[in-house]
Amino acid sequence: MFTGYLVGFIAFRALFDRNPVMSTAGGILGLVFGMLLETLLFIIRTTDYSDRSSTSRRPSNLKIKKNQ
């Protein structure tokens, strides 16, 4: 998040002739984008793509035990 603030601050400082209000606004905007990026990466990391089927599958060894 700090990196997002720093990048936004420096970018807006270069764009708006070292205006402190606009530099701070750019830093806050960079902070918000950094937070959104971290949230997106957290969602991607915690999502389990291995079981996408809507029906539940029984284990194959259950069928063997049932037939014995």
PDB file of N, CA and C in Angstrom:
ATOM      1  N   MET A   1       0.825  -1.185   0.000  1.00  0.00           N
ATOM      2  CA  MET A   1       0.000   0.000   0.000  1.00  0.00           C
ATOM      3  C   MET A   1       0.876   1.260   0.000  1.00  0.00           C
ATOM      4  N   PHE A   2       1.958   1.186   0.753  1.00  0.00           N
ATOM      5  CA  PHE A   2       2.855   2.348   0.788  1.00  0.00           C
ATOM      6  C   PHE A   2       3.462   2.601  -0.586  1.00  0.00           C
ATOM      7  N   THR A   3       3.746   1.528  -1.292  1.00  0.00           N
ATOM      8  CA  THR A   3       4.304   1.674  -2.639  1.00  0.00           C
ATOM      9  C   THR A   3       3.304   2.364  -3.557  1.00  0.00           C
ATOM     10  N   GLY A   4       2.016   2.003  -3.436  1.00  0.00           N
ATOM     11  CA  GLY A   4       0.981   2.668  -4.227  1.00  0.00           C
ATOM     12  C   GLY A   4       0.890   4.144  -3.905  1.00  0.00           C
ATOM     13  N   TYR A   5       0.981   4.474  -2.610  1.00  0.00           N
ATOM     14  CA  TYR A   5       0.961   5.882  -2.213  1.00  0.00           C
ATOM     15  C   TYR A   5       2.151   6.623  -2.806  1.00  0.00           C
ATOM     16  N   LEU A   6       3.317   6.020  -2.705  1.00  0.00           N
ATOM     17  CA  LEU A   6       4.533   6.665  -3.188  1.00  0.00           C
ATOM     18  C   LEU A   6       4.497   6.870  -4.703  1.00  0.00           C
ATOM     19  N   VAL A   7       4.049   5.854  -5.430  1.00  0.00           N
ATOM     20  CA  VAL A   7       3.973   5.975  -6.893  1.00  0.00           C
ATOM     21  C   VAL A   7       2.961   7.052  -7.289  1.00  0.00           C
ATOM     22  N   GLY A   8       1.792   7.047  -6.649  1.00  0.00           N
ATOM     23  CA  GLY A   8       0.788   8.074  -6.952  1.00  0.00           C
ATOM     24  C   GLY A   8       1.266   9.468  -6.598  1.00  0.00           C
ATOM     25  N   PHE A   9       1.932   9.595  -5.466  1.00  0.00           N
ATOM     26  CA  PHE A   9       2.453  10.887  -5.025  1.00  0.00           C
ATOM     27  C   PHE A   9       3.474  11.430  -6.021  1.00  0.00           C
ATOM     28  N   ILE A  10       4.410  10.575  -6.416  1.00  0.00           N
ATOM     29  CA  ILE A  10       5.464  11.016  -7.346  1.00  0.00           C
ATOM     30  C   ILE A  10       4.887  11.319  -8.730  1.00  0.00           C
ATOM     31  N   ALA A  11       3.930  10.490  -9.176  1.00  0.00           N
ATOM     32  CA  ALA A  11       3.325  10.726 -10.499  1.00  0.00           C
ATOM     33  C   ALA A  11       2.552  12.039 -10.516  1.00  0.00           C
ATOM     34  N   PHE A  12       1.754  12.298  -9.497  1.00  0.00           N
ATOM     35  CA  PHE A  12       0.990  13.549  -9.472  1.00  0.00           C
ATOM     36  C   PHE A  12       1.899  14.744  -9.215  1.00  0.00           C
ATOM     37  N   ARG A  13       2.996  14.528  -8.519  1.00  0.00           N
ATOM     38  CA  ARG A  13       3.952  15.617  -8.292  1.00  0.00           C
ATOM     39  C   ARG A  13       4.586  16.039  -9.615  1.00  0.00           C
ATOM     40  N   ALA A  14       4.871  15.054 -10.463  1.00  0.00           N
ATOM     41  CA  ALA A  14       5.451  15.364 -11.774  1.00  0.00           C
ATOM     42  C   ALA A  14       4.418  15.991 -12.703  1.00  0.00           C
ATOM     43  N   LEU A  15       3.161  15.575 -12.588  1.00  0.00           N
ATOM     44  CA  LEU A  15       2.134  16.092 -13.488  1.00  0.00           C
ATOM     45  C   LEU A  15       1.660  17.494 -13.132  1.00  0.00           C
ATOM     46  N   PHE A  16       1.602  17.821 -11.842  1.00  0.00           N
ATOM     47  CA  PHE A  16       0.982  19.075 -11.407  1.00  0.00           C
ATOM     48  C   PHE A  16       1.966  20.054 -10.768  1.00  0.00           C
ATOM     49  N   ASP A  17       3.180  20.094 -11.247  1.00  0.00           N
ATOM     50  CA  ASP A  17       4.184  21.099 -10.842  1.00  0.00           C
ATOM     51  C   ASP A  17       4.355  21.213  -9.337  1.00  0.00           C
ATOM     52  N   ARG A  18       4.530  20.105  -8.664  1.00  0.00           N
ATOM     53  CA  ARG A  18       4.839  20.060  -7.228  1.00  0.00           C
ATOM     54  C   ARG A  18       3.791  20.746  -6.358  1.00  0.00           C
ATOM     55  N   ASN A  19       2.546  20.673  -6.766  1.00  0.00           N
ATOM     56  CA  ASN A  19       1.449  21.188  -5.949  1.00  0.00           C
ATOM     57  C   ASN A  19       1.210  20.201  -4.812  1.00  0.00           C
ATOM     58  N   PRO A  20       1.343  20.620  -3.550  1.00  0.00           N
ATOM     59  CA  PRO A  20       1.240  19.663  -2.444  1.00  0.00           C
ATOM     60  C   PRO A  20      -0.142  19.036  -2.296  1.00  0.00           C
ATOM     61  N   VAL A  21      -1.179  19.780  -2.628  1.00  0.00           N
ATOM     62  CA  VAL A  21      -2.540  19.233  -2.511  1.00  0.00           C
ATOM     63  C   VAL A  21      -2.754  18.139  -3.551  1.00  0.00           C
ATOM     64  N   MET A  22      -2.359  18.413  -4.786  1.00  0.00           N
ATOM     65  CA  MET A  22      -2.540  17.417  -5.843  1.00  0.00           C
ATOM     66  C   MET A  22      -1.609  16.225  -5.645  1.00  0.00           C
ATOM     67  N   SER A  23      -0.413  16.458  -5.117  1.00  0.00           N
ATOM     68  CA  SER A  23       0.500  15.344  -4.836  1.00  0.00           C
ATOM     69  C   SER A  23      -0.090  14.421  -3.781  1.00  0.00           C
ATOM     70  N   THR A  24      -0.681  15.001  -2.756  1.00  0.00           N
ATOM     71  CA  THR A  24      -1.317  14.199  -1.713  1.00  0.00           C
ATOM     72  C   THR A  24      -2.527  13.454  -2.266  1.00  0.00           C
ATOM     73  N   ALA A  25      -3.297  14.121  -3.110  1.00  0.00           N
ATOM     74  CA  ALA A  25      -4.449  13.461  -3.727  1.00  0.00           C
ATOM     75  C   ALA A  25      -3.993  12.289  -4.599  1.00  0.00           C
ATOM     76  N   GLY A  26      -2.917  12.457  -5.313  1.00  0.00           N
ATOM     77  CA  GLY A  26      -2.378  11.365  -6.123  1.00  0.00           C
ATOM     78  C   GLY A  26      -1.885  10.223  -5.255  1.00  0.00           C
ATOM     79  N   GLY A  27      -1.283  10.556  -4.118  1.00  0.00           N
ATOM     80  CA  GLY A  27      -0.847   9.524  -3.193  1.00  0.00           C
ATOM     81  C   GLY A  27      -2.011   8.733  -2.630  1.00  0.00           C
ATOM     82  N   ILE A  28      -3.084   9.427  -2.281  1.00  0.00           N
ATOM     83  CA  ILE A  28      -4.275   8.734  -1.763  1.00  0.00           C
ATOM     84  C   ILE A  28      -4.895   7.874  -2.850  1.00  0.00           C
ATOM     85  N   LEU A  29      -4.927   8.375  -4.072  1.00  0.00           N
ATOM     86  CA  LEU A  29      -5.451   7.583  -5.187  1.00  0.00           C
ATOM     87  C   LEU A  29      -4.590   6.338  -5.424  1.00  0.00           C
ATOM     88  N   GLY A  30      -3.274   6.492  -5.353  1.00  0.00           N
ATOM     89  CA  GLY A  30      -2.385   5.341  -5.476  1.00  0.00           C
ATOM     90  C   GLY A  30      -2.582   4.352  -4.349  1.00  0.00           C
ATOM     91  N   LEU A  31      -2.855   4.856  -3.150  1.00  0.00           N
ATOM     92  CA  LEU A  31      -3.127   3.995  -1.998  1.00  0.00           C
ATOM     93  C   LEU A  31      -4.392   3.175  -2.216  1.00  0.00           C
ATOM     94  N   VAL A  32      -5.427   3.817  -2.739  1.00  0.00           N
ATOM     95  CA  VAL A  32      -6.693   3.103  -3.011  1.00  0.00           C
ATOM     96  C   VAL A  32      -6.474   2.028  -4.073  1.00  0.00           C
ATOM     97  N   PHE A  33      -5.767   2.352  -5.139  1.00  0.00           N
ATOM     98  CA  PHE A  33      -5.489   1.351  -6.170  1.00  0.00           C
ATOM     99  C   PHE A  33      -4.637   0.210  -5.625  1.00  0.00           C
ATOM    100  N   GLY A  34      -3.694   0.527  -4.751  1.00  0.00           N
ATOM    101  CA  GLY A  34      -2.893  -0.521  -4.110  1.00  0.00           C
ATOM    102  C   GLY A  34      -3.742  -1.446  -3.257  1.00  0.00           C
ATOM    103  N   MET A  35      -4.686  -0.871  -2.525  1.00  0.00           N
ATOM    104  CA  MET A  35      -5.573  -1.688  -1.702  1.00  0.00           C
ATOM    105  C   MET A  35      -6.458  -2.584  -2.569  1.00  0.00           C
ATOM    106  N   LEU A  36      -6.963  -2.045  -3.668  1.00  0.00           N
ATOM    107  CA  LEU A  36      -7.784  -2.854  -4.571  1.00  0.00           C
ATOM    108  C   LEU A  36      -6.970  -3.984  -5.201  1.00  0.00           C
ATOM    109  N   LEU A  37      -5.732  -3.701  -5.548  1.00  0.00           N
ATOM    110  CA  LEU A  37      -4.860  -4.729  -6.110  1.00  0.00           C
ATOM    111  C   LEU A  37      -4.590  -5.827  -5.085  1.00  0.00           C
ATOM    112  N   GLU A  38      -4.315  -5.447  -3.845  1.00  0.00           N
ATOM    113  CA  GLU A  38      -4.078  -6.445  -2.803  1.00  0.00           C
ATOM    114  C   GLU A  38      -5.320  -7.294  -2.552  1.00  0.00           C
ATOM    115  N   THR A  39      -6.486  -6.671  -2.586  1.00  0.00           N
ATOM    116  CA  THR A  39      -7.735  -7.414  -2.404  1.00  0.00           C
ATOM    117  C   THR A  39      -7.941  -8.406  -3.537  1.00  0.00           C
ATOM    118  N   LEU A  40      -7.705  -7.973  -4.759  1.00  0.00           N
ATOM    119  CA  LEU A  40      -7.844  -8.859  -5.911  1.00  0.00           C
ATOM    120  C   LEU A  40      -6.873 -10.029  -5.823  1.00  0.00           C
ATOM    121  N   LEU A  41      -5.634  -9.762  -5.459  1.00  0.00           N
ATOM    122  CA  LEU A  41      -4.651 -10.841  -5.327  1.00  0.00           C
ATOM    123  C   LEU A  41      -5.014 -11.802  -4.195  1.00  0.00           C
ATOM    124  N   PHE A  42      -5.587 -11.279  -3.114  1.00  0.00           N
ATOM    125  CA  PHE A  42      -6.024 -12.145  -2.011  1.00  0.00           C
ATOM    126  C   PHE A  42      -7.159 -13.052  -2.445  1.00  0.00           C
ATOM    127  N   ILE A  43      -8.104 -12.509  -3.213  1.00  0.00           N
ATOM    128  CA  ILE A  43      -9.229 -13.314  -3.706  1.00  0.00           C
ATOM    129  C   ILE A  43      -8.733 -14.400  -4.646  1.00  0.00           C
ATOM    130  N   ILE A  44      -7.813 -14.069  -5.521  1.00  0.00           N
ATOM    131  CA  ILE A  44      -7.271 -15.060  -6.451  1.00  0.00           C
ATOM    132  C   ILE A  44      -6.519 -16.147  -5.696  1.00  0.00           C
ATOM    133  N   ARG A  45      -5.773 -15.758  -4.678  1.00  0.00           N
ATOM    134  CA  ARG A  45      -4.981 -16.735  -3.926  1.00  0.00           C
ATOM    135  C   ARG A  45      -5.859 -17.690  -3.128  1.00  0.00           C
ATOM    136  N   THR A  46      -6.961 -17.214  -2.577  1.00  0.00           N
ATOM    137  CA  THR A  46      -7.795 -18.059  -1.720  1.00  0.00           C
ATOM    138  C   THR A  46      -8.873 -18.815  -2.475  1.00  0.00           C
ATOM    139  N   THR A  47      -9.075 -18.540  -3.748  1.00  0.00           N
ATOM    140  CA  THR A  47     -10.085 -19.241  -4.533  1.00  0.00           C
ATOM    141  C   THR A  47      -9.571 -20.623  -4.906  1.00  0.00           C
ATOM    142  N   ASP A  48     -10.421 -21.631  -4.689  1.00  0.00           N
ATOM    143  CA  ASP A  48     -10.056 -23.008  -5.000  1.00  0.00           C
ATOM    144  C   ASP A  48     -10.714 -23.391  -6.319  1.00  0.00           C
ATOM    145  N   TYR A  49      -9.905 -23.588  -7.356  1.00  0.00           N
ATOM    146  CA  TYR A  49     -10.425 -23.930  -8.668  1.00  0.00           C
ATOM    147  C   TYR A  49     -10.455 -25.437  -8.920  1.00  0.00           C
ATOM    148  N   SER A  50     -10.019 -26.248  -7.965  1.00  0.00           N
ATOM    149  CA  SER A  50      -9.905 -27.683  -8.208  1.00  0.00           C
ATOM    150  C   SER A  50     -11.256 -28.382  -8.242  1.00  0.00           C
ATOM    151  N   ASP A  51     -12.255 -27.900  -7.492  1.00  0.00           N
ATOM    152  CA  ASP A  51     -13.559 -28.552  -7.455  1.00  0.00           C
ATOM    153  C   ASP A  51     -14.619 -27.597  -7.967  1.00  0.00           C
ATOM    154  N   ARG A  52     -14.819 -27.585  -9.269  1.00  0.00           N
ATOM    155  CA  ARG A  52     -15.757 -26.654  -9.878  1.00  0.00           C
ATOM    156  C   ARG A  52     -17.094 -27.291 -10.204  1.00  0.00           C
ATOM    157  N   SER A  53     -17.254 -28.589  -9.977  1.00  0.00           N
ATOM    158  CA  SER A  53     -18.508 -29.252 -10.336  1.00  0.00           C
ATOM    159  C   SER A  53     -19.574 -28.938  -9.299  1.00  0.00           C
ATOM    160  N   SER A  54     -20.825 -28.853  -9.751  1.00  0.00           N
ATOM    161  CA  SER A  54     -21.917 -28.533  -8.842  1.00  0.00           C
ATOM    162  C   SER A  54     -22.444 -29.787  -8.138  1.00  0.00           C
ATOM    163  N   THR A  55     -22.219 -30.957  -8.722  1.00  0.00           N
ATOM    164  CA  THR A  55     -22.672 -32.185  -8.085  1.00  0.00           C
ATOM    165  C   THR A  55     -21.553 -32.739  -7.221  1.00  0.00           C
ATOM    166  N   SER A  56     -21.946 -33.345  -6.129  1.00  0.00           N
ATOM    167  CA  SER A  56     -20.926 -33.921  -5.258  1.00  0.00           C
ATOM    168  C   SER A  56     -20.560 -35.307  -5.760  1.00  0.00           C
ATOM    169  N   ARG A  57     -19.289 -35.573  -5.771  1.00  0.00           N
ATOM    170  CA  ARG A  57     -18.808 -36.870  -6.230  1.00  0.00           C
ATOM    171  C   ARG A  57     -18.479 -37.733  -5.026  1.00  0.00           C
ATOM    172  N   ARG A  58     -18.872 -38.984  -5.102  1.00  0.00           N
ATOM    173  CA  ARG A  58     -18.538 -39.910  -4.038  1.00  0.00           C
ATOM    174  C   ARG A  58     -17.141 -40.454  -4.280  1.00  0.00           C
ATOM    175  N   PRO A  59     -16.438 -40.775  -3.223  1.00  0.00           N
ATOM    176  CA  PRO A  59     -15.130 -41.393  -3.404  1.00  0.00           C
ATOM    177  C   PRO A  59     -15.271 -42.783  -4.010  1.00  0.00           C
ATOM    178  N   SER A  60     -14.299 -43.183  -4.808  1.00  0.00           N
ATOM    179  CA  SER A  60     -14.384 -44.479  -5.488  1.00  0.00           C
ATOM    180  C   SER A  60     -14.281 -45.646  -4.512  1.00  0.00           C
ATOM    181  N   ASN A  61     -13.613 -45.455  -3.376  1.00  0.00           N
ATOM    182  CA  ASN A  61     -13.498 -46.565  -2.440  1.00  0.00           C
ATOM    183  C   ASN A  61     -14.815 -46.833  -1.713  1.00  0.00           C
ATOM    184  N   LEU A  62     -15.748 -45.909  -1.725  1.00  0.00           N
ATOM    185  CA  LEU A  62     -17.046 -46.121  -1.098  1.00  0.00           C
ATOM    186  C   LEU A  62     -17.830 -47.182  -1.852  1.00  0.00           C
ATOM    187  N   LYS A  63     -17.722 -47.212  -3.174  1.00  0.00           N
ATOM    188  CA  LYS A  63     -18.413 -48.193  -3.985  1.00  0.00           C
ATOM    189  C   LYS A  63     -17.855 -49.596  -3.706  1.00  0.00           C
ATOM    190  N   ILE A  64     -16.572 -49.684  -3.510  1.00  0.00           N
ATOM    191  CA  ILE A  64     -15.950 -50.989  -3.237  1.00  0.00           C
ATOM    192  C   ILE A  64     -16.406 -51.522  -1.889  1.00  0.00           C
ATOM    193  N   LYS A  65     -16.460 -50.684  -0.882  1.00  0.00           N
ATOM    194  CA  LYS A  65     -16.904 -51.110   0.436  1.00  0.00           C
ATOM    195  C   LYS A  65     -18.376 -51.518   0.418  1.00  0.00           C
ATOM    196  N   LYS A  66     -19.169 -50.871  -0.378  1.00  0.00           N
ATOM    197  CA  LYS A  66     -20.587 -51.183  -0.461  1.00  0.00           C
ATOM    198  C   LYS A  66     -20.805 -52.549  -1.100  1.00  0.00           C
ATOM    199  N   ASN A  67     -19.999 -52.905  -2.086  1.00  0.00           N
ATOM    200  CA  ASN A  67     -20.152 -54.179  -2.773  1.00  0.00           C
ATOM    201  C   ASN A  67     -19.589 -55.356  -1.973  1.00  0.00           C
ATOM    202  N   GLN A  68     -18.734 -55.111  -1.036  1.00  0.00           N
ATOM    203  CA  GLN A  68     -18.128 -56.212  -0.278  1.00  0.00           C
ATOM    204  C   GLN A  68     -19.087 -56.753   0.681  1.00  0.00           C
TER     205      GLN A  68
END
